[in-house]
N, C-alpha and C. Protein backbone atom coordinates (compact mmCIF):
# COMPACT_ATOMS: atom_id res chain seq x y z
N MET A 1 33.74 -55.08 50.85
CA MET A 1 32.77 -53.83 50.73
C MET A 1 32.53 -53.40 52.57
N ALA A 2 31.97 -52.36 52.07
CA ALA A 2 31.92 -51.86 53.75
C ALA A 2 30.27 -52.52 54.35
N GLU A 3 30.51 -52.51 55.41
CA GLU A 3 28.83 -52.48 56.12
C GLU A 3 28.59 -51.79 56.82
N LEU A 4 27.67 -51.68 56.99
CA LEU A 4 26.60 -50.44 57.49
C LEU A 4 25.74 -50.70 58.25
N LYS A 5 25.56 -50.59 59.88
CA LYS A 5 24.21 -50.98 60.76
C LYS A 5 23.56 -49.95 60.77
N LEU A 6 22.35 -50.08 60.77
CA LEU A 6 21.44 -49.02 61.26
C LEU A 6 20.08 -49.38 62.32
N ARG A 7 20.11 -48.65 63.29
CA ARG A 7 18.75 -48.99 63.99
C ARG A 7 18.18 -47.94 64.22
N SER A 8 16.63 -48.75 63.65
CA SER A 8 15.42 -47.46 64.59
C SER A 8 14.17 -47.89 65.06
N LYS A 9 14.34 -47.08 65.94
CA LYS A 9 12.37 -47.30 66.60
C LYS A 9 11.77 -47.80 65.86
N ASP A 10 11.14 -47.69 64.05
CA ASP A 10 10.55 -47.53 63.49
C ASP A 10 11.23 -47.94 61.96
N PRO A 11 10.74 -48.90 62.31
CA PRO A 11 11.40 -50.04 61.09
C PRO A 11 10.85 -49.78 59.49
N ASP A 12 9.45 -48.84 59.83
CA ASP A 12 9.21 -48.98 58.62
C ASP A 12 9.45 -47.60 57.58
N PHE A 13 9.87 -46.79 58.83
CA PHE A 13 10.46 -45.84 58.06
C PHE A 13 12.01 -45.70 57.49
N LEU A 14 12.46 -46.34 58.67
CA LEU A 14 14.04 -46.83 58.28
C LEU A 14 13.87 -47.44 56.08
N ARG A 15 12.76 -48.44 56.11
CA ARG A 15 12.59 -49.27 54.87
C ARG A 15 12.34 -48.01 53.84
N ARG A 16 11.83 -47.46 54.30
CA ARG A 16 10.91 -46.58 52.87
C ARG A 16 12.60 -45.39 52.87
N ILE A 17 12.68 -45.19 53.56
CA ILE A 17 14.41 -44.38 53.33
C ILE A 17 15.40 -45.01 53.04
N ILE A 18 15.58 -46.22 52.95
CA ILE A 18 16.68 -47.15 51.75
C ILE A 18 15.83 -47.45 50.39
N GLN A 19 14.81 -47.71 50.56
CA GLN A 19 14.10 -48.08 49.13
C GLN A 19 14.25 -46.61 48.34
N SER A 20 13.87 -45.85 49.22
CA SER A 20 14.04 -44.62 48.21
C SER A 20 15.88 -43.85 48.33
N ALA A 21 16.03 -44.04 48.31
CA ALA A 21 17.14 -44.33 47.86
C ALA A 21 18.18 -45.22 47.34
N LEU A 22 17.55 -46.44 47.28
CA LEU A 22 17.99 -47.50 45.77
C LEU A 22 17.13 -47.32 44.92
N SER A 23 15.90 -46.29 44.91
CA SER A 23 15.22 -46.41 43.75
C SER A 23 16.01 -44.99 42.88
N GLU A 24 16.49 -44.00 43.99
CA GLU A 24 17.27 -43.34 43.08
C GLU A 24 18.45 -43.47 42.26
N ARG A 25 19.30 -44.75 43.45
CA ARG A 25 20.00 -44.93 42.74
C ARG A 25 20.03 -45.68 41.19
N LEU A 26 18.76 -46.52 41.32
CA LEU A 26 19.25 -47.58 39.95
C LEU A 26 18.42 -46.53 38.76
N GLN A 27 17.60 -45.28 39.01
CA GLN A 27 17.24 -44.31 37.96
C GLN A 27 18.74 -43.93 37.39
N THR A 28 19.71 -43.60 38.43
CA THR A 28 20.93 -43.19 37.57
C THR A 28 21.26 -43.92 37.20
N VAL A 29 21.76 -45.11 37.49
CA VAL A 29 22.34 -46.48 36.89
C VAL A 29 21.51 -46.68 35.43
N THR A 30 20.18 -46.71 35.57
CA THR A 30 19.37 -46.84 33.97
C THR A 30 20.01 -45.49 33.45
N ALA A 31 19.67 -44.60 33.66
CA ALA A 31 19.98 -43.26 32.60
C ALA A 31 21.03 -43.02 32.22
N GLY A 32 22.39 -43.62 33.28
CA GLY A 32 23.49 -43.77 32.37
C GLY A 32 23.51 -44.72 31.50
N ILE A 33 23.06 -45.97 31.51
CA ILE A 33 22.76 -47.19 30.33
C ILE A 33 22.73 -46.62 29.07
N LYS A 34 21.40 -45.93 29.07
CA LYS A 34 20.49 -45.59 28.09
C LYS A 34 21.74 -44.27 27.19
N LYS A 35 22.24 -43.71 28.49
CA LYS A 35 23.54 -42.19 27.26
C LYS A 35 24.45 -43.57 27.06
N GLN A 36 25.07 -44.62 27.58
CA GLN A 36 25.90 -44.82 26.92
C GLN A 36 25.35 -45.68 25.70
N LYS A 37 24.06 -46.49 25.48
CA LYS A 37 23.45 -46.90 23.95
C LYS A 37 23.62 -46.20 22.95
N ASN A 38 22.99 -44.66 23.63
CA ASN A 38 23.18 -43.55 22.29
C ASN A 38 24.28 -43.64 21.83
N VAL A 39 25.07 -43.57 22.70
CA VAL A 39 26.54 -43.13 22.38
C VAL A 39 27.32 -44.17 20.97
N PHE A 40 26.47 -45.60 21.69
CA PHE A 40 27.23 -46.48 20.72
C PHE A 40 26.40 -46.48 19.53
N LYS A 41 25.44 -46.08 19.73
CA LYS A 41 24.55 -45.76 18.18
C LYS A 41 24.87 -44.66 17.76
N ASN A 42 25.09 -43.80 17.75
CA ASN A 42 25.61 -42.95 17.49
C ASN A 42 27.64 -43.22 16.77
N LEU A 43 28.25 -44.02 16.94
CA LEU A 43 29.40 -44.27 16.59
C LEU A 43 29.52 -44.77 15.11
N LYS A 44 30.70 -44.60 14.46
CA LYS A 44 30.33 -44.32 12.98
C LYS A 44 30.87 -45.72 12.60
N PRO A 45 30.18 -47.01 11.65
CA PRO A 45 30.61 -47.82 11.26
C PRO A 45 31.93 -48.86 11.30
N SER A 46 32.73 -47.05 10.48
CA SER A 46 34.20 -47.62 10.41
C SER A 46 34.87 -47.83 12.06
N ILE A 47 34.73 -47.09 13.06
CA ILE A 47 35.03 -46.92 14.27
C ILE A 47 34.99 -48.57 14.92
N ASN A 48 33.10 -48.91 14.66
CA ASN A 48 32.93 -50.14 15.14
C ASN A 48 33.82 -51.24 14.64
N TYR A 49 34.00 -50.81 13.47
CA TYR A 49 34.72 -52.40 12.61
C TYR A 49 36.02 -52.38 13.19
N GLN A 50 36.69 -51.14 13.11
CA GLN A 50 38.08 -51.05 14.27
C GLN A 50 38.14 -52.00 15.24
N GLN A 51 37.18 -51.44 16.39
CA GLN A 51 37.17 -52.18 17.11
C GLN A 51 37.08 -53.86 17.38
N ARG A 52 36.01 -54.04 16.63
CA ARG A 52 35.99 -55.43 16.41
C ARG A 52 37.22 -56.16 15.99
N ASN A 53 38.39 -55.63 15.55
CA ASN A 53 39.14 -56.52 14.81
C ASN A 53 40.73 -56.07 15.33
N LEU A 54 40.14 -55.45 16.82
CA LEU A 54 41.73 -55.24 17.73
C LEU A 54 42.26 -56.65 18.11
């Protein structure tokens, strides 16, 4: 995993930037998970049955 070191004269400003970036990423991941759940819900039962028996 890569390491990133940041320095700032105003640690609160840096903290807000990092929190904002993490929040945006979390929303993107959450949206992707919800999208995948909908895809799985819409699969035909026969496809689900075949996957379980592999």
